[in-house]
Amino acid sequence: MTQKQEYLKITDGLVIYKRESHNGCYYLRAKIEGRKGYVIRSTQKYTEDEARLAAYEAFISLKTMHQQGLVIGRSGFGAIYDKFAAAVLVHKSDARKRQFEITFRRYFLPHFGEIGIAQVNEARIRTYWDWRISYYQSAAVAIVMTNFIMTQIRSELSRLA
């Protein structure tokens, strides 16, 4: 049986509530004007006063992000690219669209996966470049090994013929 949540209203469109299933941590539920549904986030606070302050600050931040056109949901890197493609790539040539798509699928998606866009920070970008260098090195090794194996197969086939 689930417990009924007790919501504490802070302002219009913003409430906090305590989740006992999460060790009594307070969560915020915000309704951002011009956006469908609610944004639900943890305040990471365990007292009501601290949670009220953290929720209000987060609410202001969420409203500002929405006004600036930034995604405030839990969209992953792939979803962000899809929105970028729908908004920007429609004005590009087919060849340019294909170049973006190949680059995204080959390089960005394998490294960044479906992490949230908020987790793409400077440190994550640095790891991307290290990963990209190792990707090329492993690709070069794979090409050399493939060429070596093909040479061995050809020589074996010519010996048998």
Foldseek 3Di string as FASTA:
>chain_A
DDDDWDWDDQDVQKTKTFDVVVVRFIKMWGDAPPDPGTAIDTLRDRDPVSSSVSRVVVRVVLNVCVVVVHDDHQFFPVVVVVVCCVVPVVPPDPVVSVVVVCCCVVQVCVQRPGHGPVPPDPVSVVVSVVVVVVVVVVVVVVVVVVVVVVVVVVVVVVVVD
